[in-house]
C-alpha atoms as a PDB file:
ATOM      1  CA  MET A   1     -38.669  28.662  35.180  1.00  0.00           C
ATOM      2  CA  SER A   2     -35.241  29.717  36.183  1.00  0.00           C
ATOM      3  CA  ASP A   3     -32.342  30.045  33.627  1.00  0.00           C
ATOM      4  CA  ASP A   4     -29.704  29.381  36.342  1.00  0.00           C
ATOM      5  CA  GLY A   5     -28.952  25.927  34.923  1.00  0.00           C
ATOM      6  CA  LEU A   6     -28.514  27.066  31.307  1.00  0.00           C
ATOM      7  CA  PHE A   7     -24.977  26.862  29.928  1.00  0.00           C
ATOM      8  CA  PHE A   8     -22.841  25.923  26.938  1.00  0.00           C
ATOM      9  CA  MET A   9     -19.423  24.461  26.774  1.00  0.00           C
ATOM     10  CA  GLY A  10     -16.725  27.011  25.812  1.00  0.00           C
ATOM     11  CA  PRO A  11     -13.883  26.090  23.426  1.00  0.00           C
ATOM     12  CA  ASP A  12     -11.697  24.952  26.363  1.00  0.00           C
ATOM     13  CA  GLY A  13     -14.409  22.774  27.783  1.00  0.00           C
ATOM     14  CA  THR A  14     -15.459  25.202  30.481  1.00  0.00           C
ATOM     15  CA  PRO A  15     -19.215  25.732  31.011  1.00  0.00           C
ATOM     16  CA  ILE A  16     -20.273  29.257  30.065  1.00  0.00           C
ATOM     17  CA  LYS A  17     -23.317  30.629  31.925  1.00  0.00           C
ATOM     18  CA  LEU A  18     -25.199  33.939  31.566  1.00  0.00           C
ATOM     19  CA  ASP A  19     -23.113  35.396  34.446  1.00  0.00           C
ATOM     20  CA  ASP A  20     -19.950  34.683  32.461  1.00  0.00           C
ATOM     21  CA  LEU A  21     -20.973  36.939  29.549  1.00  0.00           C
ATOM     22  CA  PRO A  22     -19.966  40.534  29.522  1.00  0.00           C
ATOM     23  CA  PRO A  23     -22.200  42.670  31.809  1.00  0.00           C
ATOM     24  CA  CYS A  24     -25.132  44.731  30.377  1.00  0.00           C
ATOM     25  CA  GLY A  25     -23.882  48.055  28.946  1.00  0.00           C
ATOM     26  CA  PHE A  26     -20.367  46.659  28.383  1.00  0.00           C
ATOM     27  CA  LYS A  27     -18.212  49.027  26.259  1.00  0.00           C
ATOM     28  CA  ASP A  28     -14.619  47.663  26.191  1.00  0.00           C
ATOM     29  CA  TRP A  29     -15.294  45.219  23.413  1.00  0.00           C
ATOM     30  CA  GLN A  30     -12.477  42.933  22.387  1.00  0.00           C
ATOM     31  CA  PRO A  31     -12.720  40.087  19.880  1.00  0.00           C
ATOM     32  CA  ARG A  32     -13.050  37.380  22.590  1.00  0.00           C
ATOM     33  CA  HIS A  33     -16.012  39.263  24.108  1.00  0.00           C
ATOM     34  CA  LYS A  34     -17.811  39.443  20.811  1.00  0.00           C
ATOM     35  CA  ALA A  35     -17.081  35.806  20.055  1.00  0.00           C
ATOM     36  CA  MET A  36     -18.484  34.829  23.450  1.00  0.00           C
ATOM     37  CA  VAL A  37     -21.774  36.713  22.806  1.00  0.00           C
ATOM     38  CA  VAL A  38     -22.117  35.122  19.337  1.00  0.00           C
ATOM     39  CA  ALA A  39     -21.477  31.699  20.842  1.00  0.00           C
ATOM     40  CA  ALA A  40     -24.171  32.341  23.557  1.00  0.00           C
ATOM     41  CA  VAL A  41     -26.714  33.187  20.894  1.00  0.00           C
ATOM     42  CA  ARG A  42     -25.731  30.179  18.685  1.00  0.00           C
ATOM     43  CA  HIS A  43     -26.022  27.827  21.717  1.00  0.00           C
ATOM     44  CA  GLY A  44     -29.397  29.251  22.895  1.00  0.00           C
ATOM     45  CA  LEU A  45     -28.162  30.853  26.164  1.00  0.00           C
ATOM     46  CA  ILE A  46     -29.660  34.151  24.969  1.00  0.00           C
ATOM     47  CA  THR A  47     -31.556  35.273  21.869  1.00  0.00           C
ATOM     48  CA  VAL A  48     -30.402  37.713  19.275  1.00  0.00           C
ATOM     49  CA  ASP A  49     -32.996  40.205  20.579  1.00  0.00           C
ATOM     50  CA  GLN A  50     -31.730  39.788  24.119  1.00  0.00           C
ATOM     51  CA  ALA A  51     -28.109  40.238  23.050  1.00  0.00           C
ATOM     52  CA  CYS A  52     -28.982  43.381  21.076  1.00  0.00           C
ATOM     53  CA  ALA A  53     -30.919  44.825  24.029  1.00  0.00           C
ATOM     54  CA  ARG A  54     -28.295  43.824  26.669  1.00  0.00           C
ATOM     55  CA  TYR A  55     -25.427  45.322  24.722  1.00  0.00           C
ATOM     56  CA  ASP A  56     -27.248  48.137  22.872  1.00  0.00           C
ATOM     57  CA  LEU A  57     -26.451  46.625  19.472  1.00  0.00           C
ATOM     58  CA  SER A  58     -28.321  47.035  16.152  1.00  0.00           C
ATOM     59  CA  ILE A  59     -29.219  43.798  14.405  1.00  0.00           C
ATOM     60  CA  GLU A  60     -26.726  44.761  11.659  1.00  0.00           C
ATOM     61  CA  GLU A  61     -23.989  45.153  14.196  1.00  0.00           C
ATOM     62  CA  TYR A  62     -24.760  41.723  15.691  1.00  0.00           C
ATOM     63  CA  LEU A  63     -24.790  40.211  12.243  1.00  0.00           C
ATOM     64  CA  CYS A  64     -21.392  41.696  11.606  1.00  0.00           C
ATOM     65  CA  TRP A  65     -20.115  39.971  14.765  1.00  0.00           C
ATOM     66  CA  TYR A  66     -21.801  36.738  13.695  1.00  0.00           C
ATOM     67  CA  GLN A  67     -20.052  36.786  10.325  1.00  0.00           C
ATOM     68  CA  CYS A  68     -16.629  37.430  12.002  1.00  0.00           C
ATOM     69  CA  TYR A  69     -16.996  35.059  14.961  1.00  0.00           C
ATOM     70  CA  SER A  70     -19.240  32.238  13.951  1.00  0.00           C
ATOM     71  CA  PRO A  71     -17.442  29.031  12.910  1.00  0.00           C
ATOM     72  CA  GLN A  72     -17.448  28.781   9.130  1.00  0.00           C
ATOM     73  CA  PRO A  73     -18.322  25.429   7.462  1.00  0.00           C
ATOM     74  CA  ARG A  74     -15.422  23.713   5.823  1.00  0.00           C
ATOM     75  CA  LEU A  75     -15.582  22.315   2.451  1.00  0.00           C
ATOM     76  CA  ALA A  76     -15.211  18.545   2.290  1.00  0.00           C
ATOM     77  CA  LEU A  77     -12.172  17.215   0.453  1.00  0.00           C
ATOM     78  CA  ARG A  78     -12.998  15.152  -2.575  1.00  0.00           C
END
């Protein structure tokens, strides 16, 4: 089974595919890159383990990214 058809919709409505993620071994991390990796994991494009292997991250480092760049639930107004 090929993963060529897998994608998720970015915040601007653009489809994001695996090829759109930073390349393996990427080192020039900016917040938008980290947010894109977190979104790719959240939407099932890659797994946490794949992200950590692809970008040489510890699980703790990925979880730090997740806390910073994952949407936070909003409290409902009463």
